[in-house]
């Protein structure tokens, strides 16, 4: 068994997008896994995830706090705590956190996230 607490997970901050990402499981994460990766993403009010796509992997976002607007292939969808969204390979997607309370979600990536597969469009 392998276990990690979020306070011990590597944190990646992006002040431009008002976001923090905690890598929990994956190829280079504290819990190594070759099949998938899991990261907790916290985005402050008014923050965002830049428009991008993945060629090799698909993502599932599980929203646990707050609300946001997702745009996937041009379709705008409101998301909030309790929602789960599948983002398939090649889907162009972005996320804009609610201006009042931000948003928090787990991103599950299969196969595991690799930086070269984050393609800004």
N, C-alpha and C. Protein backbone atom coordinates (compact mmCIF):
# COMPACT_ATOMS: atom_id res chain seq x y z
N UNK A 1 0.84 -1.18 0.00
CA UNK A 1 0.00 0.00 0.00
C UNK A 1 0.88 1.24 0.00
N UNK A 2 0.45 2.26 -0.73
CA UNK A 2 1.13 3.55 -0.73
C UNK A 2 0.11 4.61 -0.36
N UNK A 3 0.54 5.60 0.42
CA UNK A 3 -0.37 6.62 0.91
C UNK A 3 0.34 7.97 0.91
N UNK A 4 -0.43 9.03 0.61
CA UNK A 4 0.11 10.38 0.70
C UNK A 4 -1.00 11.30 1.21
N UNK A 5 -0.61 12.29 1.96
CA UNK A 5 -1.53 13.33 2.39
C UNK A 5 -1.28 14.55 1.52
N UNK A 6 -2.34 15.28 1.18
CA UNK A 6 -2.21 16.44 0.29
C UNK A 6 -1.16 17.43 0.76
N UNK A 7 -1.01 17.60 2.07
CA UNK A 7 -0.03 18.57 2.56
C UNK A 7 1.40 18.15 2.21
N UNK A 8 1.60 16.88 1.83
CA UNK A 8 2.92 16.39 1.44
C UNK A 8 3.08 16.21 -0.07
N UNK A 9 2.02 16.51 -0.83
CA UNK A 9 2.07 16.35 -2.30
C UNK A 9 2.79 17.54 -2.92
N UNK A 10 3.55 17.31 -3.98
CA UNK A 10 4.20 18.43 -4.67
C UNK A 10 3.16 19.42 -5.17
N UNK A 11 3.42 20.70 -4.96
CA UNK A 11 2.49 21.76 -5.38
C UNK A 11 3.10 22.54 -6.53
N UNK A 12 2.29 22.75 -7.56
CA UNK A 12 2.69 23.56 -8.70
C UNK A 12 1.73 24.74 -8.76
N UNK A 13 2.27 25.95 -8.61
CA UNK A 13 1.44 27.15 -8.62
C UNK A 13 1.63 27.91 -9.92
N UNK A 14 0.54 28.51 -10.38
CA UNK A 14 0.59 29.38 -11.55
C UNK A 14 -0.12 30.67 -11.20
N UNK A 15 0.65 31.70 -10.79
CA UNK A 15 0.02 32.95 -10.38
C UNK A 15 -0.76 33.62 -11.51
N UNK A 16 -0.37 33.40 -12.77
CA UNK A 16 -1.08 34.00 -13.90
C UNK A 16 -2.51 33.49 -13.99
N UNK A 17 -2.71 32.20 -13.75
CA UNK A 17 -4.06 31.62 -13.86
C UNK A 17 -4.74 31.48 -12.50
N UNK A 18 -4.08 31.95 -11.43
CA UNK A 18 -4.60 31.87 -10.06
C UNK A 18 -4.92 30.41 -9.69
N UNK A 19 -3.97 29.51 -9.96
CA UNK A 19 -4.25 28.09 -9.72
C UNK A 19 -3.11 27.40 -8.98
N UNK A 20 -3.48 26.34 -8.28
CA UNK A 20 -2.54 25.43 -7.63
C UNK A 20 -2.89 24.02 -8.02
N UNK A 21 -1.89 23.22 -8.28
CA UNK A 21 -2.09 21.82 -8.64
C UNK A 21 -1.24 20.97 -7.70
N UNK A 22 -1.85 19.91 -7.17
CA UNK A 22 -1.16 18.98 -6.28
C UNK A 22 -1.14 17.62 -6.97
N UNK A 23 0.05 17.18 -7.36
CA UNK A 23 0.17 15.90 -8.04
C UNK A 23 0.22 14.79 -6.98
N UNK A 24 -0.72 13.88 -7.08
CA UNK A 24 -0.86 12.83 -6.08
C UNK A 24 -0.33 11.49 -6.60
N UNK A 25 -0.72 11.17 -7.84
CA UNK A 25 -0.36 9.88 -8.42
C UNK A 25 0.00 10.10 -9.89
N UNK A 26 0.99 9.35 -10.38
CA UNK A 26 1.37 9.44 -11.78
C UNK A 26 2.79 8.96 -12.01
N UNK A 27 3.31 9.27 -13.18
CA UNK A 27 4.64 8.77 -13.55
C UNK A 27 5.74 9.30 -12.64
N UNK A 28 5.66 10.57 -12.25
CA UNK A 28 6.70 11.17 -11.41
C UNK A 28 6.16 11.64 -10.07
N UNK A 29 4.96 11.22 -9.71
CA UNK A 29 4.30 11.66 -8.48
C UNK A 29 4.77 10.82 -7.28
N UNK A 30 4.44 11.28 -6.08
CA UNK A 30 4.81 10.51 -4.89
C UNK A 30 4.29 9.07 -4.91
N UNK A 31 3.07 8.88 -5.43
CA UNK A 31 2.57 7.52 -5.62
C UNK A 31 2.74 7.22 -7.11
N UNK A 32 3.77 6.46 -7.43
CA UNK A 32 4.09 6.16 -8.83
C UNK A 32 3.04 5.23 -9.43
N UNK A 33 2.60 5.57 -10.63
CA UNK A 33 1.61 4.75 -11.32
C UNK A 33 1.79 4.92 -12.81
N UNK A 34 1.90 3.81 -13.52
CA UNK A 34 2.11 3.84 -14.97
C UNK A 34 0.80 3.81 -15.76
N UNK A 35 -0.34 3.63 -15.08
CA UNK A 35 -1.62 3.50 -15.76
C UNK A 35 -2.44 4.79 -15.79
N UNK A 36 -2.33 5.61 -14.73
CA UNK A 36 -3.12 6.85 -14.68
C UNK A 36 -2.41 7.85 -13.78
N UNK A 37 -2.88 9.09 -13.84
CA UNK A 37 -2.41 10.09 -12.89
C UNK A 37 -3.61 10.78 -12.27
N UNK A 38 -3.41 11.27 -11.05
CA UNK A 38 -4.45 12.00 -10.34
C UNK A 38 -3.82 13.26 -9.75
N UNK A 39 -4.48 14.39 -9.98
CA UNK A 39 -4.02 15.66 -9.43
C UNK A 39 -5.22 16.44 -8.90
N UNK A 40 -5.03 17.11 -7.79
CA UNK A 40 -6.05 18.02 -7.27
C UNK A 40 -5.71 19.40 -7.80
N UNK A 41 -6.69 20.06 -8.42
CA UNK A 41 -6.50 21.41 -8.93
C UNK A 41 -7.42 22.35 -8.18
N UNK A 42 -6.84 23.44 -7.68
CA UNK A 42 -7.60 24.49 -7.00
C UNK A 42 -7.41 25.77 -7.79
N UNK A 43 -8.52 26.40 -8.17
CA UNK A 43 -8.46 27.63 -8.96
C UNK A 43 -9.24 28.71 -8.21
N UNK A 44 -8.57 29.80 -7.91
CA UNK A 44 -9.19 30.91 -7.20
C UNK A 44 -10.27 31.57 -8.05
N UNK A 45 -11.10 32.35 -7.41
CA UNK A 45 -12.14 33.11 -8.11
C UNK A 45 -11.53 33.88 -9.27
N UNK A 46 -12.14 33.74 -10.44
CA UNK A 46 -11.67 34.43 -11.63
C UNK A 46 -10.49 33.77 -12.33
N UNK A 47 -9.97 32.68 -11.78
CA UNK A 47 -8.85 31.98 -12.39
C UNK A 47 -9.31 31.09 -13.54
N UNK A 48 -8.36 30.40 -14.16
CA UNK A 48 -8.69 29.64 -15.37
C UNK A 48 -7.67 28.54 -15.64
N UNK A 49 -8.07 27.63 -16.53
CA UNK A 49 -7.17 26.66 -17.17
C UNK A 49 -7.14 27.07 -18.64
N UNK A 50 -5.97 27.32 -19.17
CA UNK A 50 -5.80 27.80 -20.53
C UNK A 50 -6.33 26.79 -21.56
N UNK A 51 -6.77 27.27 -22.70
CA UNK A 51 -7.30 26.41 -23.77
C UNK A 51 -6.18 25.49 -24.26
N UNK A 52 -6.48 24.18 -24.24
CA UNK A 52 -5.48 23.19 -24.63
C UNK A 52 -6.16 21.89 -25.05
N UNK A 53 -5.33 20.93 -25.49
CA UNK A 53 -5.83 19.60 -25.82
C UNK A 53 -4.75 18.57 -25.50
N UNK A 54 -5.15 17.31 -25.55
CA UNK A 54 -4.23 16.19 -25.34
C UNK A 54 -4.41 15.22 -26.50
N UNK A 55 -3.32 14.73 -27.03
CA UNK A 55 -3.36 13.77 -28.14
C UNK A 55 -3.35 12.33 -27.61
N UNK A 56 -2.60 12.11 -26.54
CA UNK A 56 -2.39 10.75 -26.05
C UNK A 56 -3.32 10.33 -24.92
N UNK A 57 -3.87 11.30 -24.19
CA UNK A 57 -4.62 10.93 -22.99
C UNK A 57 -6.01 11.56 -22.97
N UNK A 58 -6.88 10.98 -22.14
CA UNK A 58 -8.17 11.57 -21.85
C UNK A 58 -8.19 11.92 -20.37
N UNK A 59 -9.02 12.90 -20.03
CA UNK A 59 -9.09 13.36 -18.65
C UNK A 59 -10.52 13.25 -18.13
N UNK A 60 -10.63 12.98 -16.85
CA UNK A 60 -11.90 13.06 -16.17
C UNK A 60 -11.73 14.06 -15.05
N UNK A 61 -12.59 15.08 -15.02
CA UNK A 61 -12.60 16.07 -13.95
C UNK A 61 -13.74 15.73 -13.01
N UNK A 62 -13.43 15.61 -11.72
CA UNK A 62 -14.43 15.37 -10.69
C UNK A 62 -14.45 16.61 -9.80
N UNK A 63 -15.52 17.39 -9.90
CA UNK A 63 -15.61 18.67 -9.20
C UNK A 63 -16.08 18.45 -7.77
N UNK A 64 -15.33 19.02 -6.82
CA UNK A 64 -15.64 18.80 -5.41
C UNK A 64 -15.98 20.08 -4.66
N UNK A 65 -15.73 21.24 -5.26
CA UNK A 65 -16.00 22.50 -4.58
C UNK A 65 -16.16 23.62 -5.60
N UNK A 66 -17.07 24.55 -5.36
CA UNK A 66 -17.21 25.73 -6.19
C UNK A 66 -17.90 25.48 -7.51
N UNK A 67 -17.68 26.42 -8.44
CA UNK A 67 -18.30 26.31 -9.76
C UNK A 67 -17.42 26.97 -10.81
N UNK A 68 -17.69 26.62 -12.07
CA UNK A 68 -16.88 27.12 -13.18
C UNK A 68 -17.67 26.98 -14.47
N UNK A 69 -17.09 27.51 -15.51
CA UNK A 69 -17.61 27.37 -16.86
C UNK A 69 -16.56 26.61 -17.67
N UNK A 70 -16.95 25.47 -18.22
CA UNK A 70 -16.05 24.71 -19.08
C UNK A 70 -16.44 24.95 -20.53
N UNK A 71 -15.45 25.05 -21.37
CA UNK A 71 -15.68 25.15 -22.80
C UNK A 71 -14.93 23.99 -23.44
N UNK A 72 -15.70 23.07 -24.04
CA UNK A 72 -15.13 21.90 -24.69
C UNK A 72 -15.58 21.90 -26.13
N UNK A 73 -14.62 22.00 -27.04
CA UNK A 73 -14.90 22.07 -28.48
C UNK A 73 -15.95 23.14 -28.79
N UNK A 74 -15.84 24.27 -28.11
CA UNK A 74 -16.73 25.40 -28.35
C UNK A 74 -18.05 25.37 -27.60
N UNK A 75 -18.36 24.25 -26.94
CA UNK A 75 -19.62 24.13 -26.19
C UNK A 75 -19.40 24.58 -24.74
N UNK A 76 -20.17 25.56 -24.31
CA UNK A 76 -20.04 26.10 -22.95
C UNK A 76 -20.96 25.32 -22.02
N UNK A 77 -20.38 24.84 -20.90
CA UNK A 77 -21.13 24.07 -19.91
C UNK A 77 -20.78 24.58 -18.52
N UNK A 78 -21.79 24.82 -17.70
CA UNK A 78 -21.55 25.21 -16.31
C UNK A 78 -21.35 23.93 -15.49
N UNK A 79 -20.34 23.95 -14.63
CA UNK A 79 -20.04 22.80 -13.77
C UNK A 79 -19.95 23.28 -12.33
N UNK A 80 -20.23 22.35 -11.41
CA UNK A 80 -20.14 22.69 -9.99
C UNK A 80 -19.88 21.40 -9.20
N UNK A 81 -19.68 21.57 -7.89
CA UNK A 81 -19.41 20.43 -7.02
C UNK A 81 -20.43 19.32 -7.25
N UNK A 82 -19.92 18.09 -7.40
CA UNK A 82 -20.77 16.93 -7.67
C UNK A 82 -20.78 16.51 -9.13
N UNK A 83 -20.34 17.40 -10.03
CA UNK A 83 -20.30 17.08 -11.47
C UNK A 83 -19.02 16.33 -11.83
N UNK A 84 -19.13 15.45 -12.82
CA UNK A 84 -17.99 14.76 -13.41
C UNK A 84 -18.04 14.96 -14.91
N UNK A 85 -16.89 15.33 -15.50
CA UNK A 85 -16.82 15.61 -16.94
C UNK A 85 -15.70 14.77 -17.55
N UNK A 86 -16.02 14.07 -18.64
CA UNK A 86 -15.03 13.32 -19.41
C UNK A 86 -14.56 14.20 -20.56
N UNK A 87 -13.25 14.35 -20.68
CA UNK A 87 -12.64 15.11 -21.77
C UNK A 87 -11.85 14.10 -22.60
N UNK A 88 -12.33 13.85 -23.80
CA UNK A 88 -11.71 12.82 -24.63
C UNK A 88 -10.48 13.36 -25.37
N UNK A 89 -9.68 12.43 -25.88
CA UNK A 89 -8.50 12.82 -26.66
C UNK A 89 -8.92 13.80 -27.75
N UNK A 90 -8.07 14.78 -28.01
CA UNK A 90 -8.24 15.79 -29.06
C UNK A 90 -9.30 16.84 -28.73
N UNK A 91 -10.07 16.68 -27.64
CA UNK A 91 -11.04 17.72 -27.27
C UNK A 91 -10.28 18.98 -26.86
N UNK A 92 -10.63 20.09 -27.46
CA UNK A 92 -10.05 21.38 -27.09
C UNK A 92 -10.88 21.89 -25.91
N UNK A 93 -10.20 22.13 -24.78
CA UNK A 93 -10.94 22.48 -23.58
C UNK A 93 -10.23 23.56 -22.76
N UNK A 94 -11.06 24.29 -22.02
CA UNK A 94 -10.57 25.30 -21.09
C UNK A 94 -11.59 25.42 -19.96
N UNK A 95 -11.20 26.10 -18.90
CA UNK A 95 -12.08 26.23 -17.74
C UNK A 95 -11.89 27.62 -17.16
N UNK A 96 -13.00 28.25 -16.78
CA UNK A 96 -12.97 29.57 -16.15
C UNK A 96 -13.72 29.47 -14.83
N UNK A 97 -13.00 29.70 -13.72
CA UNK A 97 -13.61 29.59 -12.40
C UNK A 97 -14.61 30.72 -12.18
N UNK A 98 -15.62 30.43 -11.37
CA UNK A 98 -16.61 31.42 -10.98
C UNK A 98 -15.90 32.62 -10.34
N UNK A 99 -16.37 33.81 -10.64
CA UNK A 99 -15.74 35.02 -10.11
C UNK A 99 -15.95 35.23 -8.61
N UNK A 100 -16.83 34.44 -8.01
CA UNK A 100 -17.13 34.64 -6.60
C UNK A 100 -16.43 33.66 -5.67
N UNK A 101 -16.32 32.39 -6.09
CA UNK A 101 -15.80 31.41 -5.14
C UNK A 101 -14.77 30.44 -5.69
N UNK A 102 -14.41 30.51 -6.93
CA UNK A 102 -13.42 29.59 -7.48
C UNK A 102 -13.95 28.17 -7.62
N UNK A 103 -13.03 27.23 -7.85
CA UNK A 103 -13.43 25.85 -8.11
C UNK A 103 -12.29 24.91 -7.70
N UNK A 104 -12.66 23.69 -7.36
CA UNK A 104 -11.68 22.67 -6.98
C UNK A 104 -12.13 21.34 -7.59
N UNK A 105 -11.18 20.62 -8.19
CA UNK A 105 -11.52 19.34 -8.83
C UNK A 105 -10.32 18.42 -8.88
N UNK A 106 -10.62 17.12 -8.96
CA UNK A 106 -9.59 16.12 -9.23
C UNK A 106 -9.54 15.89 -10.73
N UNK A 107 -8.34 15.85 -11.29
CA UNK A 107 -8.14 15.52 -12.69
C UNK A 107 -7.51 14.13 -12.74
N UNK A 108 -8.21 13.20 -13.37
CA UNK A 108 -7.73 11.83 -13.52
C UNK A 108 -7.39 11.65 -14.99
N UNK A 109 -6.14 11.30 -15.27
CA UNK A 109 -5.64 11.25 -16.65
C UNK A 109 -5.20 9.83 -16.99
N UNK A 110 -5.68 9.33 -18.15
CA UNK A 110 -5.36 7.98 -18.62
C UNK A 110 -4.96 8.07 -20.09
N UNK A 111 -3.79 7.59 -20.49
CA UNK A 111 -2.67 7.20 -19.63
C UNK A 111 -2.16 8.40 -18.84
N UNK A 112 -1.19 8.20 -17.94
CA UNK A 112 -0.77 9.26 -17.04
C UNK A 112 -0.32 10.52 -17.78
N UNK A 113 -0.50 11.65 -17.13
CA UNK A 113 -0.10 12.95 -17.68
C UNK A 113 1.39 13.00 -17.97
N UNK A 114 1.72 13.51 -19.15
CA UNK A 114 3.09 13.86 -19.48
C UNK A 114 3.06 15.27 -20.07
N UNK A 115 4.05 16.07 -19.73
CA UNK A 115 4.05 17.48 -20.11
C UNK A 115 3.95 17.70 -21.62
N UNK A 116 4.55 16.82 -22.42
CA UNK A 116 4.53 16.97 -23.88
C UNK A 116 3.13 16.80 -24.46
N UNK A 117 2.20 16.25 -23.68
CA UNK A 117 0.84 16.02 -24.17
C UNK A 117 -0.11 17.14 -23.77
N UNK A 118 0.41 18.22 -23.20
CA UNK A 118 -0.37 19.41 -22.88
C UNK A 118 -0.11 20.41 -23.98
N UNK A 119 -1.02 20.47 -24.95
CA UNK A 119 -0.81 21.24 -26.18
C UNK A 119 -1.71 22.47 -26.16
N UNK A 120 -1.10 23.64 -26.00
CA UNK A 120 -1.85 24.90 -25.98
C UNK A 120 -2.33 25.21 -27.39
N UNK A 121 -3.60 25.58 -27.51
CA UNK A 121 -4.17 25.91 -28.84
C UNK A 121 -4.71 27.33 -28.86
